[in-house]
């Protein structure tokens, strides 16, 4: 399957793109997608413990199995002011 990944804020800057398509095996989890992203863009791994993760409009855990057509959003922590 091809997973569509959206990156926001500083993560977008580190990867040089806001949207990335990743080839993943059927049954892949969000963690599998993160691992693949870290291989392509090692600087993203520095944010690993702080990431907010969503599938379409719902926040998900790393164990979430990515469904065909889902958009996975990866965001840095939200800061208020």
PDB file of N, CA and C in Angstrom:
ATOM      1  N   UNK A   1       0.846  -1.169   0.000  1.00  0.00           N
ATOM      2  CA  UNK A   1       0.000   0.000   0.000  1.00  0.00           C
ATOM      3  C   UNK A   1       0.892   1.234   0.000  1.00  0.00           C
ATOM      4  N   UNK A   2       0.356   2.314  -0.492  1.00  0.00           N
ATOM      5  CA  UNK A   2       1.039   3.599  -0.434  1.00  0.00           C
ATOM      6  C   UNK A   2       0.333   4.438   0.628  1.00  0.00           C
ATOM      7  N   UNK A   3       1.068   4.797   1.674  1.00  0.00           N
ATOM      8  CA  UNK A   3       0.499   5.602   2.758  1.00  0.00           C
ATOM      9  C   UNK A   3       0.799   7.073   2.499  1.00  0.00           C
ATOM     10  N   UNK A   4      -0.230   7.901   2.643  1.00  0.00           N
ATOM     11  CA  UNK A   4      -0.046   9.345   2.503  1.00  0.00           C
ATOM     12  C   UNK A   4       0.211   9.922   3.895  1.00  0.00           C
ATOM     13  N   UNK A   5       1.355  10.588   4.038  1.00  0.00           N
ATOM     14  CA  UNK A   5       1.773  11.164   5.308  1.00  0.00           C
ATOM     15  C   UNK A   5       1.814  12.679   5.167  1.00  0.00           C
ATOM     16  N   UNK A   6       1.213  13.377   6.107  1.00  0.00           N
ATOM     17  CA  UNK A   6       1.279  14.834   6.137  1.00  0.00           C
ATOM     18  C   UNK A   6       2.112  15.255   7.342  1.00  0.00           C
ATOM     19  N   UNK A   7       3.054  16.158   7.097  1.00  0.00           N
ATOM     20  CA  UNK A   7       3.925  16.686   8.144  1.00  0.00           C
ATOM     21  C   UNK A   7       3.619  18.156   8.352  1.00  0.00           C
ATOM     22  N   UNK A   8       3.703  18.608   9.589  1.00  0.00           N
ATOM     23  CA  UNK A   8       3.353  19.987   9.914  1.00  0.00           C
ATOM     24  C   UNK A   8       4.494  20.702  10.611  1.00  0.00           C
ATOM     25  N   UNK A   9       4.491  22.017  10.477  1.00  0.00           N
ATOM     26  CA  UNK A   9       5.382  22.925  11.194  1.00  0.00           C
ATOM     27  C   UNK A   9       6.849  22.568  10.974  1.00  0.00           C
ATOM     28  N   UNK A  10       7.615  22.465  12.053  1.00  0.00           N
ATOM     29  CA  UNK A  10       9.053  22.203  11.959  1.00  0.00           C
ATOM     30  C   UNK A  10       9.343  20.865  11.282  1.00  0.00           C
ATOM     31  N   UNK A  11       8.440  19.902  11.407  1.00  0.00           N
ATOM     32  CA  UNK A  11       8.643  18.597  10.776  1.00  0.00           C
ATOM     33  C   UNK A  11       8.645  18.728   9.259  1.00  0.00           C
ATOM     34  N   UNK A  12       7.765  19.581   8.754  1.00  0.00           N
ATOM     35  CA  UNK A  12       7.707  19.862   7.314  1.00  0.00           C
ATOM     36  C   UNK A  12       9.048  20.442   6.849  1.00  0.00           C
ATOM     37  N   UNK A  13       9.581  21.370   7.626  1.00  0.00           N
ATOM     38  CA  UNK A  13      10.859  21.990   7.278  1.00  0.00           C
ATOM     39  C   UNK A  13      11.990  20.963   7.260  1.00  0.00           C
ATOM     40  N   UNK A  14      12.018  20.068   8.240  1.00  0.00           N
ATOM     41  CA  UNK A  14      13.076  19.054   8.322  1.00  0.00           C
ATOM     42  C   UNK A  14      13.035  18.082   7.146  1.00  0.00           C
ATOM     43  N   UNK A  15      11.835  17.730   6.703  1.00  0.00           N
ATOM     44  CA  UNK A  15      11.690  16.784   5.599  1.00  0.00           C
ATOM     45  C   UNK A  15      11.736  17.475   4.237  1.00  0.00           C
ATOM     46  N   UNK A  16      11.521  18.779   4.233  1.00  0.00           N
ATOM     47  CA  UNK A  16      11.509  19.501   2.961  1.00  0.00           C
ATOM     48  C   UNK A  16      10.236  19.295   2.165  1.00  0.00           C
ATOM     49  N   UNK A  17       9.202  18.780   2.815  1.00  0.00           N
ATOM     50  CA  UNK A  17       7.918  18.545   2.140  1.00  0.00           C
ATOM     51  C   UNK A  17       6.821  18.418   3.180  1.00  0.00           C
ATOM     52  N   UNK A  18       5.628  18.840   2.820  1.00  0.00           N
ATOM     53  CA  UNK A  18       4.490  18.716   3.708  1.00  0.00           C
ATOM     54  C   UNK A  18       3.732  17.417   3.530  1.00  0.00           C
ATOM     55  N   UNK A  19       3.875  16.808   2.351  1.00  0.00           N
ATOM     56  CA  UNK A  19       3.200  15.540   2.064  1.00  0.00           C
ATOM     57  C   UNK A  19       4.207  14.557   1.492  1.00  0.00           C
ATOM     58  N   UNK A  20       4.155  13.346   2.002  1.00  0.00           N
ATOM     59  CA  UNK A  20       5.070  12.292   1.556  1.00  0.00           C
ATOM     60  C   UNK A  20       4.252  11.028   1.353  1.00  0.00           C
ATOM     61  N   UNK A  21       4.546  10.304   0.299  1.00  0.00           N
ATOM     62  CA  UNK A  21       3.930   9.003   0.087  1.00  0.00           C
ATOM     63  C   UNK A  21       4.974   7.937   0.372  1.00  0.00           C
ATOM     64  N   UNK A  22       4.586   6.983   1.225  1.00  0.00           N
ATOM     65  CA  UNK A  22       5.499   5.913   1.631  1.00  0.00           C
ATOM     66  C   UNK A  22       4.934   4.556   1.231  1.00  0.00           C
ATOM     67  N   UNK A  23       5.737   3.724   0.591  1.00  0.00           N
ATOM     68  CA  UNK A  23       5.286   2.349   0.351  1.00  0.00           C
ATOM     69  C   UNK A  23       5.409   1.552   1.654  1.00  0.00           C
ATOM     70  N   UNK A  24       4.306   0.973   2.092  1.00  0.00           N
ATOM     71  CA  UNK A  24       4.283   0.169   3.314  1.00  0.00           C
ATOM     72  C   UNK A  24       3.551  -1.137   3.034  1.00  0.00           C
ATOM     73  N   UNK A  25       3.883  -2.148   3.799  1.00  0.00           N
ATOM     74  CA  UNK A  25       3.195  -3.434   3.676  1.00  0.00           C
ATOM     75  C   UNK A  25       1.763  -3.309   4.182  1.00  0.00           C
ATOM     76  N   UNK A  26       0.862  -4.097   3.624  1.00  0.00           N
ATOM     77  CA  UNK A  26      -0.498  -4.146   4.157  1.00  0.00           C
ATOM     78  C   UNK A  26      -0.417  -4.546   5.620  1.00  0.00           C
ATOM     79  N   UNK A  27      -1.219  -3.914   6.462  1.00  0.00           N
ATOM     80  CA  UNK A  27      -1.201  -4.195   7.888  1.00  0.00           C
ATOM     81  C   UNK A  27      -0.173  -3.367   8.646  1.00  0.00           C
ATOM     82  N   UNK A  28       0.482  -2.443   7.947  1.00  0.00           N
ATOM     83  CA  UNK A  28       1.492  -1.602   8.598  1.00  0.00           C
ATOM     84  C   UNK A  28       0.836  -0.681   9.620  1.00  0.00           C
ATOM     85  N   UNK A  29       1.590  -0.373  10.657  1.00  0.00           N
ATOM     86  CA  UNK A  29       1.114   0.512  11.717  1.00  0.00           C
ATOM     87  C   UNK A  29       1.711   1.914  11.540  1.00  0.00           C
ATOM     88  N   UNK A  30       1.215   2.831  12.342  1.00  0.00           N
ATOM     89  CA  UNK A  30       1.776   4.176  12.343  1.00  0.00           C
ATOM     90  C   UNK A  30       3.250   4.116  12.733  1.00  0.00           C
ATOM     91  N   UNK A  31       3.614   3.234  13.660  1.00  0.00           N
ATOM     92  CA  UNK A  31       5.022   3.098  14.029  1.00  0.00           C
ATOM     93  C   UNK A  31       5.860   2.648  12.841  1.00  0.00           C
ATOM     94  N   UNK A  32       5.326   1.751  12.016  1.00  0.00           N
ATOM     95  CA  UNK A  32       6.045   1.327  10.811  1.00  0.00           C
ATOM     96  C   UNK A  32       6.281   2.519   9.881  1.00  0.00           C
ATOM     97  N   UNK A  33       5.278   3.375   9.761  1.00  0.00           N
ATOM     98  CA  UNK A  33       5.422   4.576   8.930  1.00  0.00           C
ATOM     99  C   UNK A  33       6.480   5.508   9.505  1.00  0.00           C
ATOM    100  N   UNK A  34       6.470   5.670  10.826  1.00  0.00           N
ATOM    101  CA  UNK A  34       7.488   6.511  11.468  1.00  0.00           C
ATOM    102  C   UNK A  34       8.885   5.950  11.223  1.00  0.00           C
ATOM    103  N   UNK A  35       9.046   4.650  11.374  1.00  0.00           N
ATOM    104  CA  UNK A  35      10.354   4.032  11.151  1.00  0.00           C
ATOM    105  C   UNK A  35      10.846   4.294   9.726  1.00  0.00           C
ATOM    106  N   UNK A  36       9.948   4.176   8.751  1.00  0.00           N
ATOM    107  CA  UNK A  36      10.315   4.434   7.357  1.00  0.00           C
ATOM    108  C   UNK A  36      10.682   5.903   7.148  1.00  0.00           C
ATOM    109  N   UNK A  37       9.934   6.800   7.790  1.00  0.00           N
ATOM    110  CA  UNK A  37      10.247   8.230   7.686  1.00  0.00           C
ATOM    111  C   UNK A  37      11.611   8.538   8.292  1.00  0.00           C
ATOM    112  N   UNK A  38      11.914   7.943   9.427  1.00  0.00           N
ATOM    113  CA  UNK A  38      13.191   8.198  10.094  1.00  0.00           C
ATOM    114  C   UNK A  38      14.367   7.712   9.248  1.00  0.00           C
ATOM    115  N   UNK A  39      14.157   6.656   8.474  1.00  0.00           N
ATOM    116  CA  UNK A  39      15.219   6.192   7.577  1.00  0.00           C
ATOM    117  C   UNK A  39      15.478   7.203   6.465  1.00  0.00           C
ATOM    118  N   UNK A  40      14.383   7.786   5.936  1.00  0.00           N
ATOM    119  CA  UNK A  40      14.516   8.774   4.856  1.00  0.00           C
ATOM    120  C   UNK A  40      14.968  10.132   5.368  1.00  0.00           C
ATOM    121  N   UNK A  41      14.489  10.509   6.547  1.00  0.00           N
ATOM    122  CA  UNK A  41      14.750  11.831   7.117  1.00  0.00           C
ATOM    123  C   UNK A  41      15.183  11.665   8.578  1.00  0.00           C
ATOM    124  N   UNK A  42      16.432  11.308   8.826  1.00  0.00           N
ATOM    125  CA  UNK A  42      16.893  11.023  10.191  1.00  0.00           C
ATOM    126  C   UNK A  42      16.647  12.151  11.192  1.00  0.00           C
ATOM    127  N   UNK A  43      16.640  13.396  10.754  1.00  0.00           N
ATOM    128  CA  UNK A  43      16.436  14.519  11.680  1.00  0.00           C
ATOM    129  C   UNK A  43      15.056  14.473  12.339  1.00  0.00           C
ATOM    130  N   UNK A  44      14.093  13.823  11.698  1.00  0.00           N
ATOM    131  CA  UNK A  44      12.743  13.724  12.272  1.00  0.00           C
ATOM    132  C   UNK A  44      12.737  12.892  13.554  1.00  0.00           C
ATOM    133  N   UNK A  45      13.667  11.951  13.672  1.00  0.00           N
ATOM    134  CA  UNK A  45      13.705  11.066  14.834  1.00  0.00           C
ATOM    135  C   UNK A  45      13.931  11.832  16.136  1.00  0.00           C
ATOM    136  N   UNK A  46      14.533  13.005  16.047  1.00  0.00           N
ATOM    137  CA  UNK A  46      14.764  13.809  17.252  1.00  0.00           C
ATOM    138  C   UNK A  46      13.447  14.235  17.913  1.00  0.00           C
ATOM    139  N   UNK A  47      12.373  14.254  17.168  1.00  0.00           N
ATOM    140  CA  UNK A  47      11.053  14.664  17.660  1.00  0.00           C
ATOM    141  C   UNK A  47      10.216  13.481  18.143  1.00  0.00           C
ATOM    142  N   UNK A  48      10.733  12.270  18.024  1.00  0.00           N
ATOM    143  CA  UNK A  48       9.938  11.051  18.226  1.00  0.00           C
ATOM    144  C   UNK A  48       9.088  11.040  19.492  1.00  0.00           C
ATOM    145  N   UNK A  49       9.627  11.398  20.614  1.00  0.00           N
ATOM    146  CA  UNK A  49       8.889  11.298  21.880  1.00  0.00           C
ATOM    147  C   UNK A  49       7.833  12.383  22.052  1.00  0.00           C
ATOM    148  N   UNK A  50       7.813  13.381  21.180  1.00  0.00           N
ATOM    149  CA  UNK A  50       6.899  14.513  21.329  1.00  0.00           C
ATOM    150  C   UNK A  50       5.780  14.552  20.292  1.00  0.00           C
ATOM    151  N   UNK A  51       5.759  13.626  19.364  1.00  0.00           N
ATOM    152  CA  UNK A  51       4.846  13.713  18.233  1.00  0.00           C
ATOM    153  C   UNK A  51       3.381  13.493  18.602  1.00  0.00           C
ATOM    154  N   UNK A  52       2.526  14.215  17.920  1.00  0.00           N
ATOM    155  CA  UNK A  52       1.086  13.966  17.923  1.00  0.00           C
ATOM    156  C   UNK A  52       0.772  13.262  16.608  1.00  0.00           C
ATOM    157  N   UNK A  53      -0.031  12.203  16.670  1.00  0.00           N
ATOM    158  CA  UNK A  53      -0.306  11.372  15.504  1.00  0.00           C
ATOM    159  C   UNK A  53      -1.799  11.273  15.264  1.00  0.00           C
ATOM    160  N   UNK A  54      -2.201  11.372  14.005  1.00  0.00           N
ATOM    161  CA  UNK A  54      -3.619  11.262  13.675  1.00  0.00           C
ATOM    162  C   UNK A  54      -3.795  10.456  12.392  1.00  0.00           C
ATOM    163  N   UNK A  55      -4.931   9.764  12.314  1.00  0.00           N
ATOM    164  CA  UNK A  55      -5.357   9.090  11.096  1.00  0.00           C
ATOM    165  C   UNK A  55      -6.663   9.757  10.707  1.00  0.00           C
ATOM    166  N   UNK A  56      -6.645  10.410   9.551  1.00  0.00           N
ATOM    167  CA  UNK A  56      -7.747  11.274   9.134  1.00  0.00           C
ATOM    168  C   UNK A  56      -7.984  12.323  10.226  1.00  0.00           C
ATOM    169  N   UNK A  57      -9.123  12.319  10.889  1.00  0.00           N
ATOM    170  CA  UNK A  57      -9.414  13.373  11.863  1.00  0.00           C
ATOM    171  C   UNK A  57      -9.285  12.916  13.317  1.00  0.00           C
ATOM    172  N   UNK A  58      -8.841  11.693  13.536  1.00  0.00           N
ATOM    173  CA  UNK A  58      -8.769  11.150  14.892  1.00  0.00           C
ATOM    174  C   UNK A  58      -7.321  10.937  15.331  1.00  0.00           C
ATOM    175  N   UNK A  59      -7.019  11.357  16.567  1.00  0.00           N
ATOM    176  CA  UNK A  59      -5.713  11.048  17.131  1.00  0.00           C
ATOM    177  C   UNK A  59      -5.619   9.542  17.318  1.00  0.00           C
ATOM    178  N   UNK A  60      -4.425   8.994  17.057  1.00  0.00           N
ATOM    179  CA  UNK A  60      -4.222   7.546  17.156  1.00  0.00           C
ATOM    180  C   UNK A  60      -2.919   7.250  17.888  1.00  0.00           C
ATOM    181  N   UNK A  61      -2.801   6.011  18.317  1.00  0.00           N
ATOM    182  CA  UNK A  61      -1.573   5.505  18.926  1.00  0.00           C
ATOM    183  C   UNK A  61      -0.661   4.966  17.824  1.00  0.00           C
ATOM    184  N   UNK A  62       0.555   4.724  18.178  1.00  0.00           N
ATOM    185  CA  UNK A  62       1.519   4.190  17.216  1.00  0.00           C
ATOM    186  C   UNK A  62       1.141   2.799  16.726  1.00  0.00           C
ATOM    187  N   UNK A  63       0.353   2.079  17.486  1.00  0.00           N
ATOM    188  CA  UNK A  63      -0.058   0.726  17.123  1.00  0.00           C
ATOM    189  C   UNK A  63      -1.223   0.702  16.128  1.00  0.00           C
ATOM    190  N   UNK A  64      -1.768   1.870  15.787  1.00  0.00           N
ATOM    191  CA  UNK A  64      -2.894   1.953  14.849  1.00  0.00           C
ATOM    192  C   UNK A  64      -2.497   1.362  13.500  1.00  0.00           C
ATOM    193  N   UNK A  65      -3.308   0.434  12.997  1.00  0.00           N
ATOM    194  CA  UNK A  65      -3.073  -0.162  11.677  1.00  0.00           C
ATOM    195  C   UNK A  65      -3.617   0.801  10.626  1.00  0.00           C
ATOM    196  N   UNK A  66      -2.760   1.188   9.709  1.00  0.00           N
ATOM    197  CA  UNK A  66      -3.133   2.156   8.671  1.00  0.00           C
ATOM    198  C   UNK A  66      -4.050   1.486   7.666  1.00  0.00           C
ATOM    199  N   UNK A  67      -5.189   2.115   7.412  1.00  0.00           N
ATOM    200  CA  UNK A  67      -6.154   1.608   6.451  1.00  0.00           C
ATOM    201  C   UNK A  67      -5.911   2.269   5.091  1.00  0.00           C
ATOM    202  N   UNK A  68      -6.223   1.566   4.043  1.00  0.00           N
ATOM    203  CA  UNK A  68      -6.069   2.112   2.696  1.00  0.00           C
ATOM    204  C   UNK A  68      -6.855   3.415   2.572  1.00  0.00           C
ATOM    205  N   UNK A  69      -6.221   4.444   2.062  1.00  0.00           N
ATOM    206  CA  UNK A  69      -6.880   5.730   1.861  1.00  0.00           C
ATOM    207  C   UNK A  69      -6.798   6.678   3.045  1.00  0.00           C
ATOM    208  N   UNK A  70      -6.351   6.203   4.208  1.00  0.00           N
ATOM    209  CA  UNK A  70      -6.217   7.080   5.369  1.00  0.00           C
ATOM    210  C   UNK A  70      -5.049   8.042   5.172  1.00  0.00           C
ATOM    211  N   UNK A  71      -5.211   9.237   5.683  1.00  0.00           N
ATOM    212  CA  UNK A  71      -4.121  10.201   5.705  1.00  0.00           C
ATOM    213  C   UNK A  71      -3.573  10.227   7.128  1.00  0.00           C
ATOM    214  N   UNK A  72      -2.277  10.000   7.238  1.00  0.00           N
ATOM    215  CA  UNK A  72      -1.626  10.007   8.547  1.00  0.00           C
ATOM    216  C   UNK A  72      -0.965  11.365   8.733  1.00  0.00           C
ATOM    217  N   UNK A  73      -1.350  12.063   9.795  1.00  0.00           N
ATOM    218  CA  UNK A  73      -0.796  13.370  10.096  1.00  0.00           C
ATOM    219  C   UNK A  73       0.179  13.227  11.256  1.00  0.00           C
ATOM    220  N   UNK A  74       1.337  13.867  11.095  1.00  0.00           N
ATOM    221  CA  UNK A  74       2.360  13.830  12.122  1.00  0.00           C
ATOM    222  C   UNK A  74       2.679  15.278  12.478  1.00  0.00           C
ATOM    223  N   UNK A  75       2.463  15.597  13.753  1.00  0.00           N
ATOM    224  CA  UNK A  75       2.563  17.000  14.199  1.00  0.00           C
ATOM    225  C   UNK A  75       3.476  17.125  15.410  1.00  0.00           C
ATOM    226  N   UNK A  76       4.176  18.238  15.501  1.00  0.00           N
ATOM    227  CA  UNK A  76       4.922  18.519  16.727  1.00  0.00           C
ATOM    228  C   UNK A  76       3.929  18.921  17.813  1.00  0.00           C
ATOM    229  N   UNK A  77       4.372  18.986  19.068  1.00  0.00           N
ATOM    230  CA  UNK A  77       3.445  19.386  20.133  1.00  0.00           C
ATOM    231  C   UNK A  77       2.897  20.788  19.871  1.00  0.00           C
ATOM    232  N   UNK A  78       1.667  20.984  20.285  1.00  0.00           N
ATOM    233  CA  UNK A  78       1.000  22.283  20.129  1.00  0.00           C
ATOM    234  C   UNK A  78       1.421  23.198  21.278  1.00  0.00           C
ATOM    235  N   UNK A  79       1.769  24.415  20.948  1.00  0.00           N
ATOM    236  CA  UNK A  79       2.157  25.376  21.970  1.00  0.00           C
ATOM    237  C   UNK A  79       1.178  26.543  21.959  1.00  0.00           C
ATOM    238  N   UNK A  80       0.780  26.948  23.104  1.00  0.00           N
ATOM    239  CA  UNK A  80      -0.109  28.107  23.219  1.00  0.00           C
ATOM    240  C   UNK A  80       0.648  29.314  23.706  1.00  0.00           C
ATOM    241  N   UNK A  81      -0.041  30.419  23.749  1.00  0.00           N
ATOM    242  CA  UNK A  81       0.693  31.584  24.193  1.00  0.00           C
ATOM    243  C   UNK A  81      -0.180  32.682  24.700  1.00  0.00           C
TER     244      UNK A  81
END
